[in-house]
Amino acid sequence: MEPGDDTLRREAWSSYWSSGRLHSCASGDQDNYGGAIARFWRGFLDRVPSPARLLDLATGNGPLPHLVWEMRKEAADIDAVDLAELAPGWYSPSLHHGVRFHPSVRIEALPFADASFDGLMSQFGFEYAQRAPALAECLRVARTDAHIALVMHHAGSVLVKVGHEEIDHHAWLVAEDGLIQAAHGVIPWVAQARAGIAAADAGSASSARARYNAAMQALAERAQRSSAPDLLLEARQAVHRLVAGVPAGDAGATLQALHAYATELERGRLRTAEMVSHALDAAQLEELRERLRAARPGSPVECAELRQAEGVLAWSLVSGPSDT
């Protein structure tokens, strides 16, 4: 995905959030982030006085607003922006009075007045923006003594390592010898066979079946070798369900469903590739920290790795008043 291609980004992420998922780690606990990340945010919010107006950048379906609401209830006061269209299933405007979502908003162009916020937050979001203009815009809308906390993708994290492997899985699934093409080739023959229609070209029908079976076998072997096989296993289940459900004599609807699934796979690949390409290495993190130090000379800027048993999860960056 080319940097700045907002249309592709919006489509890919809007499709993802429309599922109702709360956060961007699809294989994780969808109730909310736990472990080291949850401890980080609870610790940060404990340091931000209440009442305080907060801004969540690239919110997704709102895990941070959800956490703010859990911790502060009626005292919650948070605006949450995202480039994508959102579908936070937990959110009810009549209940969560202090939570406000703003879709189709770029971090580089925030729709808020100068010095509007006491705290800025972002969880796996700020790093997707153009960092220099995004930081300038964040500082514009933040009060001079605002608390700032960013959790960002780490180039060496377990999440990014999984991302690299899943990009390879995506490439194989849609390759000429991959599962999607094999399923596309066998579906019309399955429809004919179930209608009792003899194949006009028995050799081609047999070849298509053999190709599909070979692709399924290759997927099983690839999954067995992989340290991150979830995408492959999900694809096997989804495609097998389509092939097994082909109605007699009519391949059209199943082929359309396969095409739709392939489109979702491509959107998933775009999201994963974007995550990998925007993950920060140590030098990029230091550059961001120096920009923030220069812009806020009176405020310390602390960076750290967030870790738990699986390994490194993310970078954290925190800036706030000097007495915090």
C-alpha atoms as a PDB file:
ATOM      1  CA  MET A   1       0.000   0.000   0.000  1.00  0.00           C
ATOM      2  CA  GLU A   2       1.454   3.333  -1.034  1.00  0.00           C
ATOM      3  CA  PRO A   3       1.862   5.883   1.759  1.00  0.00           C
ATOM      4  CA  GLY A   4      -0.966   8.389   1.692  1.00  0.00           C
ATOM      5  CA  ASP A   5      -3.350   6.186  -0.308  1.00  0.00           C
ATOM      6  CA  ASP A   6      -6.278   6.979   1.945  1.00  0.00           C
ATOM      7  CA  THR A   7      -8.883   5.279  -0.257  1.00  0.00           C
ATOM      8  CA  LEU A   8      -7.286   1.828  -0.063  1.00  0.00           C
ATOM      9  CA  ARG A   9      -6.517   2.262   3.619  1.00  0.00           C
ATOM     10  CA  ARG A  10     -10.052   3.363   4.424  1.00  0.00           C
ATOM     11  CA  GLU A  11     -11.612   0.472   2.493  1.00  0.00           C
ATOM     12  CA  ALA A  12      -9.309  -2.133   4.002  1.00  0.00           C
ATOM     13  CA  TRP A  13      -9.763  -0.967   7.573  1.00  0.00           C
ATOM     14  CA  SER A  14     -13.464  -0.104   7.264  1.00  0.00           C
ATOM     15  CA  SER A  15     -14.082  -3.679   6.101  1.00  0.00           C
ATOM     16  CA  TYR A  16     -12.164  -4.979   9.107  1.00  0.00           C
ATOM     17  CA  TRP A  17     -13.904  -2.795  11.696  1.00  0.00           C
ATOM     18  CA  SER A  18     -17.333  -3.588  10.202  1.00  0.00           C
ATOM     19  CA  SER A  19     -16.926  -7.070  11.680  1.00  0.00           C
ATOM     20  CA  GLY A  20     -17.273  -5.519  15.131  1.00  0.00           C
ATOM     21  CA  ARG A  21     -13.756  -6.457  16.247  1.00  0.00           C
ATOM     22  CA  LEU A  22     -12.553  -4.276  19.080  1.00  0.00           C
ATOM     23  CA  HIS A  23      -8.898  -4.038  18.115  1.00  0.00           C
ATOM     24  CA  SER A  24      -6.465  -4.756  15.302  1.00  0.00           C
ATOM     25  CA  CYS A  25      -4.867  -7.982  16.598  1.00  0.00           C
ATOM     26  CA  ALA A  26      -7.379 -10.356  15.046  1.00  0.00           C
ATOM     27  CA  SER A  27      -5.981 -13.463  16.653  1.00  0.00           C
ATOM     28  CA  GLY A  28      -5.921 -11.951  20.125  1.00  0.00           C
ATOM     29  CA  ASP A  29      -8.453 -11.616  22.914  1.00  0.00           C
ATOM     30  CA  GLN A  30     -11.253  -9.558  21.413  1.00  0.00           C
ATOM     31  CA  ASP A  31     -12.651  -8.455  24.756  1.00  0.00           C
ATOM     32  CA  ASN A  32      -9.803  -5.929  24.972  1.00  0.00           C
ATOM     33  CA  TYR A  33      -6.054  -5.865  25.109  1.00  0.00           C
ATOM     34  CA  GLY A  34      -4.628  -7.566  28.169  1.00  0.00           C
ATOM     35  CA  GLY A  35      -1.289  -8.139  29.790  1.00  0.00           C
ATOM     36  CA  ALA A  36       1.492  -5.599  29.390  1.00  0.00           C
ATOM     37  CA  ILE A  37      -0.518  -3.310  27.123  1.00  0.00           C
ATOM     38  CA  ALA A  38      -3.486  -3.117  29.484  1.00  0.00           C
ATOM     39  CA  ARG A  39      -1.164  -2.463  32.436  1.00  0.00           C
ATOM     40  CA  PHE A  40       0.523   0.329  30.503  1.00  0.00           C
ATOM     41  CA  TRP A  41      -2.753   2.086  29.719  1.00  0.00           C
ATOM     42  CA  ARG A  42      -4.179   1.714  33.200  1.00  0.00           C
ATOM     43  CA  GLY A  43      -0.974   3.149  34.613  1.00  0.00           C
ATOM     44  CA  PHE A  44      -1.055   6.045  32.186  1.00  0.00           C
ATOM     45  CA  LEU A  45      -4.702   6.871  32.874  1.00  0.00           C
ATOM     46  CA  ASP A  46      -4.048   6.748  36.617  1.00  0.00           C
ATOM     47  CA  ARG A  47      -1.536   9.587  36.089  1.00  0.00           C
ATOM     48  CA  VAL A  48      -3.909  11.764  34.059  1.00  0.00           C
ATOM     49  CA  PRO A  49      -6.063  13.821  36.428  1.00  0.00           C
ATOM     50  CA  SER A  50      -9.822  13.672  36.128  1.00  0.00           C
ATOM     51  CA  PRO A  51     -11.691  15.556  34.805  1.00  0.00           C
ATOM     52  CA  ALA A  52      -9.643  15.642  31.622  1.00  0.00           C
ATOM     53  CA  ARG A  53     -10.574  15.790  27.971  1.00  0.00           C
ATOM     54  CA  LEU A  54      -8.765  13.040  26.057  1.00  0.00           C
ATOM     55  CA  LEU A  55      -8.156  12.324  22.368  1.00  0.00           C
ATOM     56  CA  ASP A  56      -7.633   8.823  20.991  1.00  0.00           C
ATOM     57  CA  LEU A  57      -5.875   8.726  17.609  1.00  0.00           C
ATOM     58  CA  ALA A  58      -6.643   5.944  15.079  1.00  0.00           C
ATOM     59  CA  THR A  59      -9.089   4.422  17.541  1.00  0.00           C
ATOM     60  CA  GLY A  60     -10.384   1.453  15.531  1.00  0.00           C
ATOM     61  CA  ASN A  61     -13.500   0.211  17.311  1.00  0.00           C
ATOM     62  CA  GLY A  62     -12.440   1.973  20.458  1.00  0.00           C
ATOM     63  CA  PRO A  63     -10.517  -0.246  22.900  1.00  0.00           C
ATOM     64  CA  LEU A  64      -9.052   2.842  24.583  1.00  0.00           C
ATOM     65  CA  PRO A  65     -12.346   4.737  24.873  1.00  0.00           C
ATOM     66  CA  HIS A  66     -13.802   1.501  26.220  1.00  0.00           C
ATOM     67  CA  LEU A  67     -11.052   1.347  28.843  1.00  0.00           C
ATOM     68  CA  VAL A  68     -11.496   5.030  29.723  1.00  0.00           C
ATOM     69  CA  TRP A  69     -15.213   4.404  30.189  1.00  0.00           C
ATOM     70  CA  GLU A  70     -14.545   1.352  32.370  1.00  0.00           C
ATOM     71  CA  MET A  71     -12.182   3.349  34.570  1.00  0.00           C
ATOM     72  CA  ARG A  72     -14.028   6.686  34.717  1.00  0.00           C
ATOM     73  CA  LYS A  73     -17.691   5.995  33.881  1.00  0.00           C
ATOM     74  CA  GLU A  74     -19.640   9.274  33.850  1.00  0.00           C
ATOM     75  CA  ALA A  75     -16.382  11.233  34.181  1.00  0.00           C
ATOM     76  CA  ALA A  76     -15.154   9.856  30.836  1.00  0.00           C
ATOM     77  CA  ASP A  77     -14.537  12.625  28.299  1.00  0.00           C
ATOM     78  CA  ILE A  78     -12.850  11.332  25.154  1.00  0.00           C
ATOM     79  CA  ASP A  79     -12.951  12.023  21.429  1.00  0.00           C
ATOM     80  CA  ALA A  80     -11.826   9.158  19.191  1.00  0.00           C
ATOM     81  CA  VAL A  81     -10.815   9.583  15.546  1.00  0.00           C
ATOM     82  CA  ASP A  82     -10.035   7.125  12.768  1.00  0.00           C
ATOM     83  CA  LEU A  83      -9.539   7.229   9.003  1.00  0.00           C
ATOM     84  CA  ALA A  84     -11.957   4.314   8.570  1.00  0.00           C
ATOM     85  CA  GLU A  85     -15.670   3.919   9.071  1.00  0.00           C
ATOM     86  CA  LEU A  86     -16.231   2.286  12.456  1.00  0.00           C
ATOM     87  CA  ALA A  87     -18.634  -0.174  14.096  1.00  0.00           C
ATOM     88  CA  PRO A  88     -17.930  -0.286  17.843  1.00  0.00           C
ATOM     89  CA  GLY A  89     -20.412  -2.885  19.027  1.00  0.00           C
ATOM     90  CA  TRP A  90     -19.902  -1.975  22.696  1.00  0.00           C
ATOM     91  CA  TYR A  91     -20.800   1.676  22.168  1.00  0.00           C
ATOM     92  CA  SER A  92     -24.176   3.257  22.885  1.00  0.00           C
ATOM     93  CA  PRO A  93     -24.424   7.069  22.605  1.00  0.00           C
ATOM     94  CA  SER A  94     -27.269   7.044  25.129  1.00  0.00           C
ATOM     95  CA  LEU A  95     -25.083   5.258  27.690  1.00  0.00           C
ATOM     96  CA  HIS A  96     -21.528   6.386  26.932  1.00  0.00           C
ATOM     97  CA  HIS A  97     -22.226  10.114  27.068  1.00  0.00           C
ATOM     98  CA  GLY A  98     -18.599  11.182  27.333  1.00  0.00           C
ATOM     99  CA  VAL A  99     -17.375   9.117  24.375  1.00  0.00           C
ATOM    100  CA  ARG A 100     -17.495  10.615  20.873  1.00  0.00           C
ATOM    101  CA  PHE A 101     -16.373   8.832  17.675  1.00  0.00           C
ATOM    102  CA  HIS A 102     -15.213  10.730  14.566  1.00  0.00           C
ATOM    103  CA  PRO A 103     -14.728   8.485  11.484  1.00  0.00           C
ATOM    104  CA  SER A 104     -12.963   9.518   8.245  1.00  0.00           C
ATOM    105  CA  VAL A 105     -10.432  11.697  10.072  1.00  0.00           C
ATOM    106  CA  ARG A 106      -6.717  11.789   9.310  1.00  0.00           C
ATOM    107  CA  ILE A 107      -4.328  12.397  12.198  1.00  0.00           C
ATOM    108  CA  GLU A 108      -2.577  14.971  10.017  1.00  0.00           C
ATOM    109  CA  ALA A 109      -5.792  17.047   9.855  1.00  0.00           C
ATOM    110  CA  LEU A 110      -7.645  16.904  13.175  1.00  0.00           C
ATOM    111  CA  PRO A 111     -11.031  18.687  13.367  1.00  0.00           C
ATOM    112  CA  PHE A 112     -10.421  20.286  16.772  1.00  0.00           C
ATOM    113  CA  ALA A 113      -9.447  23.702  18.018  1.00  0.00           C
ATOM    114  CA  ASP A 114      -6.009  24.561  19.323  1.00  0.00           C
ATOM    115  CA  ALA A 115      -5.207  23.452  22.882  1.00  0.00           C
ATOM    116  CA  SER A 116      -8.388  21.369  23.215  1.00  0.00           C
ATOM    117  CA  PHE A 117      -7.084  18.292  25.038  1.00  0.00           C
ATOM    118  CA  ASP A 118      -5.522  17.411  28.379  1.00  0.00           C
ATOM    119  CA  GLY A 119      -4.329  14.039  27.097  1.00  0.00           C
ATOM    120  CA  LEU A 120      -3.550  12.340  23.764  1.00  0.00           C
ATOM    121  CA  MET A 121      -3.455   8.566  23.314  1.00  0.00           C
ATOM    122  CA  SER A 122      -2.858   6.148  20.467  1.00  0.00           C
ATOM    123  CA  GLN A 123      -2.652   2.377  20.381  1.00  0.00           C
ATOM    124  CA  PHE A 124      -1.177   0.909  17.202  1.00  0.00           C
ATOM    125  CA  GLY A 125      -2.304   3.934  15.211  1.00  0.00           C
ATOM    126  CA  PHE A 126      -0.065   7.002  15.314  1.00  0.00           C
ATOM    127  CA  GLU A 127       2.747   5.230  13.439  1.00  0.00           C
ATOM    128  CA  TYR A 128       0.486   4.746  10.396  1.00  0.00           C
ATOM    129  CA  ALA A 129       0.347   8.506   9.872  1.00  0.00           C
ATOM    130  CA  GLN A 130       2.987  10.751   8.359  1.00  0.00           C
ATOM    131  CA  ARG A 131       4.848  11.197  11.602  1.00  0.00           C
ATOM    132  CA  ALA A 132       6.171  14.765  11.356  1.00  0.00           C
ATOM    133  CA  PRO A 133       2.917  16.472  10.288  1.00  0.00           C
ATOM    134  CA  ALA A 134       0.886  14.168  12.543  1.00  0.00           C
ATOM    135  CA  LEU A 135       2.994  15.104  15.566  1.00  0.00           C
ATOM    136  CA  ALA A 136       2.679  18.793  14.730  1.00  0.00           C
ATOM    137  CA  GLU A 137      -1.091  18.455  14.500  1.00  0.00           C
ATOM    138  CA  CYS A 138      -1.268  16.522  17.762  1.00  0.00           C
ATOM    139  CA  LEU A 139       0.727  19.220  19.531  1.00  0.00           C
ATOM    140  CA  ARG A 140      -1.547  21.879  18.057  1.00  0.00           C
ATOM    141  CA  VAL A 141      -4.669  20.386  19.625  1.00  0.00           C
ATOM    142  CA  ALA A 142      -2.934  19.467  22.909  1.00  0.00           C
ATOM    143  CA  ARG A 143      -2.609  21.853  25.814  1.00  0.00           C
ATOM    144  CA  THR A 144       0.967  22.763  26.689  1.00  0.00           C
ATOM    145  CA  ASP A 145       0.894  20.534  29.771  1.00  0.00           C
ATOM    146  CA  ALA A 146      -1.011  17.670  28.127  1.00  0.00           C
ATOM    147  CA  HIS A 147      -0.143  14.051  28.829  1.00  0.00           C
ATOM    148  CA  ILE A 148       0.780  12.096  25.682  1.00  0.00           C
ATOM    149  CA  ALA A 149       1.062   8.312  25.377  1.00  0.00           C
ATOM    150  CA  LEU A 150       1.669   6.258  22.237  1.00  0.00           C
ATOM    151  CA  VAL A 151       1.832   2.482  21.892  1.00  0.00           C
ATOM    152  CA  MET A 152       3.364   1.740  18.486  1.00  0.00           C
ATOM    153  CA  HIS A 153       4.304  -1.289  16.438  1.00  0.00           C
ATOM    154  CA  HIS A 154       7.881  -2.435  17.059  1.00  0.00           C
ATOM    155  CA  ALA A 155       9.830  -3.680  14.029  1.00  0.00           C
ATOM    156  CA  GLY A 156      11.109  -6.610  16.090  1.00  0.00           C
ATOM    157  CA  SER A 157       7.875  -7.493  17.857  1.00  0.00           C
ATOM    158  CA  VAL A 158       6.139 -10.842  17.825  1.00  0.00           C
ATOM    159  CA  LEU A 159       3.218  -9.155  16.032  1.00  0.00           C
ATOM    160  CA  VAL A 160       5.421  -7.966  13.180  1.00  0.00           C
ATOM    161  CA  LYS A 161       7.179 -11.332  12.927  1.00  0.00           C
ATOM    162  CA  VAL A 162       3.777 -12.974  12.540  1.00  0.00           C
ATOM    163  CA  GLY A 163       2.894 -10.290   9.994  1.00  0.00           C
ATOM    164  CA  HIS A 164       5.899 -11.148   7.814  1.00  0.00           C
ATOM    165  CA  GLU A 165       4.916 -14.806   7.824  1.00  0.00           C
ATOM    166  CA  GLU A 166       1.275 -14.066   7.047  1.00  0.00           C
ATOM    167  CA  ILE A 167       2.288 -11.933   4.059  1.00  0.00           C
ATOM    168  CA  ASP A 168       4.015 -15.044   2.666  1.00  0.00           C
ATOM    169  CA  HIS A 169       0.860 -17.081   3.341  1.00  0.00           C
ATOM    170  CA  HIS A 170      -1.271 -14.496   1.528  1.00  0.00           C
ATOM    171  CA  ALA A 171       1.032 -14.653  -1.494  1.00  0.00           C
ATOM    172  CA  TRP A 172       0.801 -18.445  -1.683  1.00  0.00           C
ATOM    173  CA  LEU A 173      -2.978 -18.584  -1.234  1.00  0.00           C
ATOM    174  CA  VAL A 174      -3.591 -16.432  -4.334  1.00  0.00           C
ATOM    175  CA  ALA A 175      -0.678 -17.729  -6.436  1.00  0.00           C
ATOM    176  CA  GLU A 176      -1.217 -19.799  -9.573  1.00  0.00           C
ATOM    177  CA  ASP A 177      -0.600 -23.011  -7.595  1.00  0.00           C
ATOM    178  CA  GLY A 178      -2.370 -21.757  -4.464  1.00  0.00           C
ATOM    179  CA  LEU A 179      -5.683 -22.654  -2.909  1.00  0.00           C
ATOM    180  CA  ILE A 180      -7.849 -19.888  -4.377  1.00  0.00           C
ATOM    181  CA  GLN A 181      -7.008 -20.666  -8.009  1.00  0.00           C
ATOM    182  CA  ALA A 182      -7.386 -24.399  -7.384  1.00  0.00           C
ATOM    183  CA  ALA A 183     -10.830 -23.876  -5.860  1.00  0.00           C
ATOM    184  CA  HIS A 184     -11.848 -21.621  -8.752  1.00  0.00           C
ATOM    185  CA  GLY A 185     -10.917 -24.381 -11.170  1.00  0.00           C
ATOM    186  CA  VAL A 186     -12.734 -27.211  -9.422  1.00  0.00           C
ATOM    187  CA  ILE A 187     -16.026 -25.500  -8.471  1.00  0.00           C
ATOM    188  CA  PRO A 188     -17.664 -25.650 -11.953  1.00  0.00           C
ATOM    189  CA  TRP A 189     -16.845 -29.369 -12.233  1.00  0.00           C
ATOM    190  CA  VAL A 190     -18.298 -30.038  -8.779  1.00  0.00           C
ATOM    191  CA  ALA A 191     -21.526 -28.251  -9.795  1.00  0.00           C
ATOM    192  CA  GLN A 192     -21.816 -30.413 -12.914  1.00  0.00           C
ATOM    193  CA  ALA A 193     -21.114 -33.630 -11.050  1.00  0.00           C
ATOM    194  CA  ARG A 194     -23.761 -32.885  -8.438  1.00  0.00           C
ATOM    195  CA  ALA A 195     -26.282 -32.239 -11.192  1.00  0.00           C
ATOM    196  CA  GLY A 196     -25.514 -35.627 -12.715  1.00  0.00           C
ATOM    197  CA  ILE A 197     -24.037 -34.025 -15.821  1.00  0.00           C
ATOM    198  CA  ALA A 198     -21.184 -36.011 -17.317  1.00  0.00           C
ATOM    199  CA  ALA A 199     -18.044 -33.945 -17.775  1.00  0.00           C
ATOM    200  CA  ALA A 200     -17.495 -33.068 -21.419  1.00  0.00           C
ATOM    201  CA  ASP A 201     -13.765 -33.239 -20.748  1.00  0.00           C
ATOM    202  CA  ALA A 202     -13.174 -35.916 -18.121  1.00  0.00           C
ATOM    203  CA  GLY A 203      -9.444 -35.296 -18.188  1.00  0.00           C
ATOM    204  CA  SER A 204      -9.839 -31.605 -17.314  1.00  0.00           C
ATOM    205  CA  ALA A 205     -12.304 -32.416 -14.534  1.00  0.00           C
ATOM    206  CA  SER A 206      -9.936 -34.995 -13.064  1.00  0.00           C
ATOM    207  CA  SER A 207      -7.026 -32.573 -13.339  1.00  0.00           C
ATOM    208  CA  ALA A 208      -8.996 -29.823 -11.549  1.00  0.00           C
ATOM    209  CA  ARG A 209      -9.866 -32.191  -8.699  1.00  0.00           C
ATOM    210  CA  ALA A 210      -6.267 -33.336  -8.410  1.00  0.00           C
ATOM    211  CA  ARG A 211      -5.048 -29.736  -8.389  1.00  0.00           C
ATOM    212  CA  TYR A 212      -7.478 -28.828  -5.609  1.00  0.00           C
ATOM    213  CA  ASN A 213      -6.476 -31.839  -3.521  1.00  0.00           C
ATOM    214  CA  ALA A 214      -2.799 -31.014  -4.066  1.00  0.00           C
ATOM    215  CA  ALA A 215      -3.375 -27.431  -2.935  1.00  0.00           C
ATOM    216  CA  MET A 216      -5.123 -28.651   0.199  1.00  0.00           C
ATOM    217  CA  GLN A 217      -2.209 -31.001   0.912  1.00  0.00           C
ATOM    218  CA  ALA A 218       0.303 -28.201   0.314  1.00  0.00           C
ATOM    219  CA  LEU A 219      -1.635 -25.960   2.699  1.00  0.00           C
ATOM    220  CA  ALA A 220      -1.566 -28.623   5.409  1.00  0.00           C
ATOM    221  CA  GLU A 221       2.189 -29.041   5.013  1.00  0.00           C
ATOM    222  CA  ARG A 222       2.773 -25.282   5.016  1.00  0.00           C
ATOM    223  CA  ALA A 223       0.630 -24.883   8.149  1.00  0.00           C
ATOM    224  CA  GLN A 224       2.548 -27.641   9.911  1.00  0.00           C
ATOM    225  CA  ARG A 225       5.848 -25.862   9.203  1.00  0.00           C
ATOM    226  CA  SER A 226       4.547 -22.425  10.154  1.00  0.00           C
ATOM    227  CA  SER A 227       4.854 -20.752  13.537  1.00  0.00           C
ATOM    228  CA  ALA A 228       1.801 -18.637  12.607  1.00  0.00           C
ATOM    229  CA  PRO A 229      -0.622 -20.935  10.743  1.00  0.00           C
ATOM    230  CA  ASP A 230      -3.915 -19.258  11.701  1.00  0.00           C
ATOM    231  CA  LEU A 231      -4.448 -17.559   8.330  1.00  0.00           C
ATOM    232  CA  LEU A 232      -3.870 -20.818   6.459  1.00  0.00           C
ATOM    233  CA  LEU A 233      -6.201 -22.783   8.704  1.00  0.00           C
ATOM    234  CA  GLU A 234      -8.924 -20.148   8.394  1.00  0.00           C
ATOM    235  CA  ALA A 235      -8.536 -20.144   4.586  1.00  0.00           C
ATOM    236  CA  ARG A 236      -8.747 -23.943   4.449  1.00  0.00           C
ATOM    237  CA  GLN A 237     -11.968 -23.906   6.433  1.00  0.00           C
ATOM    238  CA  ALA A 238     -13.532 -21.070   4.427  1.00  0.00           C
ATOM    239  CA  VAL A 239     -12.657 -22.467   0.998  1.00  0.00           C
ATOM    240  CA  HIS A 240     -13.565 -26.057   1.854  1.00  0.00           C
ATOM    241  CA  ARG A 241     -16.950 -24.831   3.091  1.00  0.00           C
ATOM    242  CA  LEU A 242     -17.541 -23.163  -0.284  1.00  0.00           C
ATOM    243  CA  VAL A 243     -16.468 -26.186  -2.332  1.00  0.00           C
ATOM    244  CA  ALA A 244     -18.457 -28.581  -0.169  1.00  0.00           C
ATOM    245  CA  GLY A 245     -21.546 -26.399  -0.527  1.00  0.00           C
ATOM    246  CA  VAL A 246     -21.614 -25.979  -4.324  1.00  0.00           C
ATOM    247  CA  PRO A 247     -25.240 -26.480  -5.442  1.00  0.00           C
ATOM    248  CA  ALA A 248     -26.078 -28.879  -8.241  1.00  0.00           C
ATOM    249  CA  GLY A 249     -25.709 -27.351 -11.686  1.00  0.00           C
ATOM    250  CA  ASP A 250     -24.987 -23.787 -10.568  1.00  0.00           C
ATOM    251  CA  ALA A 251     -21.408 -22.693  -9.869  1.00  0.00           C
ATOM    252  CA  GLY A 252     -22.089 -18.967 -10.238  1.00  0.00           C
ATOM    253  CA  ALA A 253     -23.013 -18.058  -6.667  1.00  0.00           C
ATOM    254  CA  THR A 254     -20.131 -20.081  -5.227  1.00  0.00           C
ATOM    255  CA  LEU A 255     -17.634 -18.486  -7.601  1.00  0.00           C
ATOM    256  CA  GLN A 256     -18.919 -15.058  -6.552  1.00  0.00           C
ATOM    257  CA  ALA A 257     -18.512 -16.006  -2.895  1.00  0.00           C
ATOM    258  CA  LEU A 258     -14.967 -17.220  -3.611  1.00  0.00           C
ATOM    259  CA  HIS A 259     -14.191 -13.912  -5.320  1.00  0.00           C
ATOM    260  CA  ALA A 260     -15.552 -12.019  -2.320  1.00  0.00           C
ATOM    261  CA  TYR A 261     -13.383 -14.112  -0.017  1.00  0.00           C
ATOM    262  CA  ALA A 262     -10.323 -13.431  -2.181  1.00  0.00           C
ATOM    263  CA  THR A 263     -11.107  -9.697  -1.958  1.00  0.00           C
ATOM    264  CA  GLU A 264     -11.154  -9.937   1.836  1.00  0.00           C
ATOM    265  CA  LEU A 265      -7.856 -11.819   1.737  1.00  0.00           C
ATOM    266  CA  GLU A 266      -6.337  -8.988  -0.270  1.00  0.00           C
ATOM    267  CA  ARG A 267      -7.640  -6.417   2.188  1.00  0.00           C
ATOM    268  CA  GLY A 268      -6.111  -8.469   4.970  1.00  0.00           C
ATOM    269  CA  ARG A 269      -2.808  -8.544   3.128  1.00  0.00           C
ATOM    270  CA  LEU A 270      -2.914  -4.758   2.749  1.00  0.00           C
ATOM    271  CA  ARG A 271      -3.568  -4.308   6.473  1.00  0.00           C
ATOM    272  CA  THR A 272      -0.751  -6.676   7.402  1.00  0.00           C
ATOM    273  CA  ALA A 273       1.692  -5.144   4.919  1.00  0.00           C
ATOM    274  CA  GLU A 274       0.847  -1.692   6.237  1.00  0.00           C
ATOM    275  CA  MET A 275       1.461  -2.805   9.814  1.00  0.00           C
ATOM    276  CA  VAL A 276       4.839  -4.297   8.895  1.00  0.00           C
ATOM    277  CA  SER A 277       5.932  -1.295   6.841  1.00  0.00           C
ATOM    278  CA  HIS A 278       4.977   1.233   9.540  1.00  0.00           C
ATOM    279  CA  ALA A 279       6.497  -0.600  12.502  1.00  0.00           C
ATOM    280  CA  LEU A 280       9.265   1.506  14.029  1.00  0.00           C
ATOM    281  CA  ASP A 281      12.860   0.489  14.567  1.00  0.00           C
ATOM    282  CA  ALA A 282      14.959   2.012  17.354  1.00  0.00           C
ATOM    283  CA  ALA A 283      16.305   4.808  15.147  1.00  0.00           C
ATOM    284  CA  GLN A 284      12.824   5.863  14.023  1.00  0.00           C
ATOM    285  CA  LEU A 285      11.596   5.843  17.607  1.00  0.00           C
ATOM    286  CA  GLU A 286      14.531   8.014  18.668  1.00  0.00           C
ATOM    287  CA  GLU A 287      13.810  10.457  15.845  1.00  0.00           C
ATOM    288  CA  LEU A 288      10.211  10.754  17.051  1.00  0.00           C
ATOM    289  CA  ARG A 289      11.350  11.218  20.642  1.00  0.00           C
ATOM    290  CA  GLU A 290      13.765  13.998  19.621  1.00  0.00           C
ATOM    291  CA  ARG A 291      11.028  15.777  17.660  1.00  0.00           C
ATOM    292  CA  LEU A 292       8.787  15.665  20.708  1.00  0.00           C
ATOM    293  CA  ARG A 293      11.574  16.833  23.027  1.00  0.00           C
ATOM    294  CA  ALA A 294      12.309  19.770  20.751  1.00  0.00           C
ATOM    295  CA  ALA A 295       8.632  20.719  20.598  1.00  0.00           C
ATOM    296  CA  ARG A 296       8.099  20.348  24.368  1.00  0.00           C
ATOM    297  CA  PRO A 297      11.415  21.251  26.026  1.00  0.00           C
ATOM    298  CA  GLY A 298       9.875  21.346  29.486  1.00  0.00           C
ATOM    299  CA  SER A 299       8.402  17.849  29.331  1.00  0.00           C
ATOM    300  CA  PRO A 300      10.323  14.572  29.667  1.00  0.00           C
ATOM    301  CA  VAL A 301       9.833  11.940  26.982  1.00  0.00           C
ATOM    302  CA  GLU A 302      10.181   8.302  28.066  1.00  0.00           C
ATOM    303  CA  CYS A 303      10.362   5.342  25.686  1.00  0.00           C
ATOM    304  CA  ALA A 304      10.345   1.635  26.490  1.00  0.00           C
ATOM    305  CA  GLU A 305       9.600  -1.798  25.075  1.00  0.00           C
ATOM    306  CA  LEU A 306       6.376  -3.424  26.220  1.00  0.00           C
ATOM    307  CA  ARG A 307       7.057  -7.100  26.823  1.00  0.00           C
ATOM    308  CA  GLN A 308       5.372 -10.188  28.140  1.00  0.00           C
ATOM    309  CA  ALA A 309       5.986 -13.930  27.967  1.00  0.00           C
ATOM    310  CA  GLU A 310       5.616 -14.104  24.176  1.00  0.00           C
ATOM    311  CA  GLY A 311       8.292 -11.434  23.667  1.00  0.00           C
ATOM    312  CA  VAL A 312       8.304  -7.786  22.636  1.00  0.00           C
ATOM    313  CA  LEU A 313       4.821  -6.456  21.841  1.00  0.00           C
ATOM    314  CA  ALA A 314       5.326  -2.771  21.112  1.00  0.00           C
ATOM    315  CA  TRP A 315       7.122   0.468  21.799  1.00  0.00           C
ATOM    316  CA  SER A 316       5.667   2.873  24.326  1.00  0.00           C
ATOM    317  CA  LEU A 317       6.307   6.613  24.374  1.00  0.00           C
ATOM    318  CA  VAL A 318       5.072   8.850  27.181  1.00  0.00           C
ATOM    319  CA  SER A 319       5.385  12.597  27.639  1.00  0.00           C
ATOM    320  CA  GLY A 320       3.803  14.767  30.275  1.00  0.00           C
ATOM    321  CA  PRO A 321       4.336  17.495  32.828  1.00  0.00           C
ATOM    322  CA  SER A 322       7.737  17.288  34.520  1.00  0.00           C
ATOM    323  CA  ASP A 323       6.230  16.343  37.887  1.00  0.00           C
ATOM    324  CA  THR A 324       4.704  13.086  36.534  1.00  0.00           C
END
